């Protein structure tokens, strides 16, 4: 998940809490970028995430390995 005017992508676990469990909504991990995010897209195989930044850069993340190019 990312928001306008933010340089971070936040990854959340989507699980339903059991009965009596409190749901704490916080990201499992955060990917920081050097500039605000303006767009993103995921490849059909869901392995790659392309992120467009306001400074004109495009970052390509391998979601399985956690590496960027």
Foldseek 3Di string as FASTA:
>chain_A
DFDFPAQKDFADDDDDDDPPDDDDDDGPDMDGDPATWDDWDADPVRQWIWTAGPVGDIWIARVVVRDID
